Amino acid sequence: MSNFVKVASANDLKPGENKVVNVNGTEVALFNVEGEFFAITNTCPHRGGPLGEGYLEGDAVTCPWHGWRFNVKTGVSPVMPTAKVPTYEVKVEGGDVFVALE
């Protein structure tokens, strides 16, 4: 069973916005894509850049350090499908956003 942790209020992120949140000591990148929330690791596999501080365009985030891109829904790079980052389960209840790392 997944252990969900409250990380934000749904009002904290407008559609098209993202931020870094903490889930039990782990930094996670949280995204609002057209009103739906998604979470991936905050660490880019290229050089460890902060994906949660990247540029979100549609459902893809661009790492601010070197431009690597990842789909925030699947974790897969649209440029290099063998490059993937972990995704995490997200749910919204009562206006709050919860993320589970398991």
Foldseek 3Di string as FASTA:
>chain_A
DFDKDWWWFLVVADAQAWAWTADPNATWIWHHAPNDIWIWHLAAPPHGAGQNPFGDDRQWTFGPPPGFIARRHFQAGPVDRVGGTGIWDWDDDPRTIITTPD
